[in-house]
């Protein structure tokens, strides 16, 4: 069972608490994966989408809390990570 974080009366108490190993206070189920975009975006690409497709992309991006451009970039990057299918 994970320990509960105590309430602090001062900032100094909170700072002292944070200087210890906090492993027993963490619940890994509350964590979500994070990716960082480290490379600068130096090239521009123009794409044409149908109105319904763009609306669907924007809606899904909004649900994920990211811009639709970032959503499209993630989709392209994700498709490149998959193994290519063998040509018949």
C-alpha atoms as a PDB file:
ATOM      1  CA  UNK A   1       0.000   0.000   0.000  1.00  0.00           C
ATOM      2  CA  UNK A   2       1.292   3.423  -0.936  1.00  0.00           C
ATOM      3  CA  UNK A   3       1.856   6.060   1.706  1.00  0.00           C
ATOM      4  CA  UNK A   4      -0.237   9.226   1.692  1.00  0.00           C
ATOM      5  CA  UNK A   5       1.476  12.564   1.258  1.00  0.00           C
ATOM      6  CA  UNK A   6       1.147  14.547   4.501  1.00  0.00           C
ATOM      7  CA  UNK A   7      -0.225  18.098   4.642  1.00  0.00           C
ATOM      8  CA  UNK A   8       2.376  20.763   5.150  1.00  0.00           C
ATOM      9  CA  UNK A   9       2.071  23.928   7.217  1.00  0.00           C
ATOM     10  CA  UNK A  10       5.029  25.704   5.620  1.00  0.00           C
ATOM     11  CA  UNK A  11       6.950  25.718   2.369  1.00  0.00           C
ATOM     12  CA  UNK A  12      10.021  24.672   4.338  1.00  0.00           C
ATOM     13  CA  UNK A  13       8.266  21.471   5.500  1.00  0.00           C
ATOM     14  CA  UNK A  14       7.329  20.707   1.879  1.00  0.00           C
ATOM     15  CA  UNK A  15      10.900  21.290   0.699  1.00  0.00           C
ATOM     16  CA  UNK A  16      12.281  18.977   3.392  1.00  0.00           C
ATOM     17  CA  UNK A  17       9.747  16.289   2.435  1.00  0.00           C
ATOM     18  CA  UNK A  18      10.792  16.460  -1.235  1.00  0.00           C
ATOM     19  CA  UNK A  19      14.443  15.799  -0.389  1.00  0.00           C
ATOM     20  CA  UNK A  20      13.743  12.154   0.496  1.00  0.00           C
ATOM     21  CA  UNK A  21      13.088   9.092  -1.663  1.00  0.00           C
ATOM     22  CA  UNK A  22       9.438   9.417  -2.700  1.00  0.00           C
ATOM     23  CA  UNK A  23       9.059   5.954  -4.245  1.00  0.00           C
ATOM     24  CA  UNK A  24       6.624   4.798  -1.557  1.00  0.00           C
ATOM     25  CA  UNK A  25       4.358   7.766  -2.296  1.00  0.00           C
ATOM     26  CA  UNK A  26       4.074   7.232  -6.064  1.00  0.00           C
ATOM     27  CA  UNK A  27       1.362   5.260  -7.814  1.00  0.00           C
ATOM     28  CA  UNK A  28       2.597   4.299 -11.281  1.00  0.00           C
ATOM     29  CA  UNK A  29      -0.990   3.819 -12.497  1.00  0.00           C
ATOM     30  CA  UNK A  30      -1.371   7.615 -12.373  1.00  0.00           C
ATOM     31  CA  UNK A  31       1.500   8.197 -14.803  1.00  0.00           C
ATOM     32  CA  UNK A  32       1.036   8.708 -18.525  1.00  0.00           C
ATOM     33  CA  UNK A  33       3.696   8.326 -21.228  1.00  0.00           C
ATOM     34  CA  UNK A  34       5.230  11.573 -22.428  1.00  0.00           C
ATOM     35  CA  UNK A  35       7.187  12.201 -25.594  1.00  0.00           C
ATOM     36  CA  UNK A  36       9.389  15.187 -26.235  1.00  0.00           C
ATOM     37  CA  UNK A  37       9.926  16.784 -29.607  1.00  0.00           C
ATOM     38  CA  UNK A  38      13.610  17.644 -29.465  1.00  0.00           C
ATOM     39  CA  UNK A  39      14.360  18.381 -33.096  1.00  0.00           C
ATOM     40  CA  UNK A  40      13.432  21.813 -34.442  1.00  0.00           C
ATOM     41  CA  UNK A  41      10.673  21.902 -37.023  1.00  0.00           C
ATOM     42  CA  UNK A  42      12.435  23.477 -40.009  1.00  0.00           C
ATOM     43  CA  UNK A  43      10.454  22.192 -42.995  1.00  0.00           C
ATOM     44  CA  UNK A  44       6.877  22.923 -43.929  1.00  0.00           C
ATOM     45  CA  UNK A  45       4.498  20.529 -45.673  1.00  0.00           C
ATOM     46  CA  UNK A  46       1.169  21.474 -47.215  1.00  0.00           C
ATOM     47  CA  UNK A  47      -1.576  18.845 -47.326  1.00  0.00           C
ATOM     48  CA  UNK A  48      -5.136  18.935 -48.581  1.00  0.00           C
ATOM     49  CA  UNK A  49      -7.801  17.166 -46.520  1.00  0.00           C
ATOM     50  CA  UNK A  50     -11.498  16.722 -47.071  1.00  0.00           C
ATOM     51  CA  UNK A  51     -13.578  18.807 -44.684  1.00  0.00           C
ATOM     52  CA  UNK A  52     -14.927  15.755 -42.777  1.00  0.00           C
ATOM     53  CA  UNK A  53     -11.441  14.260 -42.383  1.00  0.00           C
ATOM     54  CA  UNK A  54      -9.971  17.520 -41.100  1.00  0.00           C
ATOM     55  CA  UNK A  55     -12.883  17.939 -38.682  1.00  0.00           C
ATOM     56  CA  UNK A  56     -12.328  14.401 -37.376  1.00  0.00           C
ATOM     57  CA  UNK A  57      -8.600  15.070 -36.949  1.00  0.00           C
ATOM     58  CA  UNK A  58      -9.284  18.321 -35.097  1.00  0.00           C
ATOM     59  CA  UNK A  59     -11.848  16.639 -32.847  1.00  0.00           C
ATOM     60  CA  UNK A  60      -9.495  13.773 -31.935  1.00  0.00           C
ATOM     61  CA  UNK A  61      -6.609  16.196 -31.335  1.00  0.00           C
ATOM     62  CA  UNK A  62      -8.819  18.255 -29.030  1.00  0.00           C
ATOM     63  CA  UNK A  63      -9.752  15.096 -27.089  1.00  0.00           C
ATOM     64  CA  UNK A  64      -6.048  14.388 -26.621  1.00  0.00           C
ATOM     65  CA  UNK A  65      -5.331  17.987 -25.668  1.00  0.00           C
ATOM     66  CA  UNK A  66      -2.918  18.716 -28.505  1.00  0.00           C
ATOM     67  CA  UNK A  67      -2.945  20.799 -31.672  1.00  0.00           C
ATOM     68  CA  UNK A  68      -4.184  19.127 -34.826  1.00  0.00           C
ATOM     69  CA  UNK A  69      -0.794  19.707 -36.497  1.00  0.00           C
ATOM     70  CA  UNK A  70       0.921  17.821 -33.663  1.00  0.00           C
ATOM     71  CA  UNK A  71      -1.701  15.069 -33.935  1.00  0.00           C
ATOM     72  CA  UNK A  72      -0.974  14.664 -37.652  1.00  0.00           C
ATOM     73  CA  UNK A  73       2.791  14.644 -37.008  1.00  0.00           C
ATOM     74  CA  UNK A  74       2.360  11.914 -34.364  1.00  0.00           C
ATOM     75  CA  UNK A  75       0.257   9.856 -36.775  1.00  0.00           C
ATOM     76  CA  UNK A  76       2.965  10.071 -39.450  1.00  0.00           C
ATOM     77  CA  UNK A  77       5.732   9.248 -36.954  1.00  0.00           C
ATOM     78  CA  UNK A  78       3.703   6.316 -35.595  1.00  0.00           C
ATOM     79  CA  UNK A  79       3.130   4.892 -39.054  1.00  0.00           C
ATOM     80  CA  UNK A  80       6.877   4.976 -39.728  1.00  0.00           C
ATOM     81  CA  UNK A  81       7.611   2.935 -36.588  1.00  0.00           C
ATOM     82  CA  UNK A  82       5.543   0.015 -37.899  1.00  0.00           C
ATOM     83  CA  UNK A  83       7.242  -2.646 -39.975  1.00  0.00           C
ATOM     84  CA  UNK A  84       6.536  -2.220 -43.682  1.00  0.00           C
ATOM     85  CA  UNK A  85       4.378  -4.915 -45.271  1.00  0.00           C
ATOM     86  CA  UNK A  86       6.104  -7.123 -47.800  1.00  0.00           C
ATOM     87  CA  UNK A  87       5.237  -6.344 -51.394  1.00  0.00           C
ATOM     88  CA  UNK A  88       3.467  -9.160 -53.248  1.00  0.00           C
END
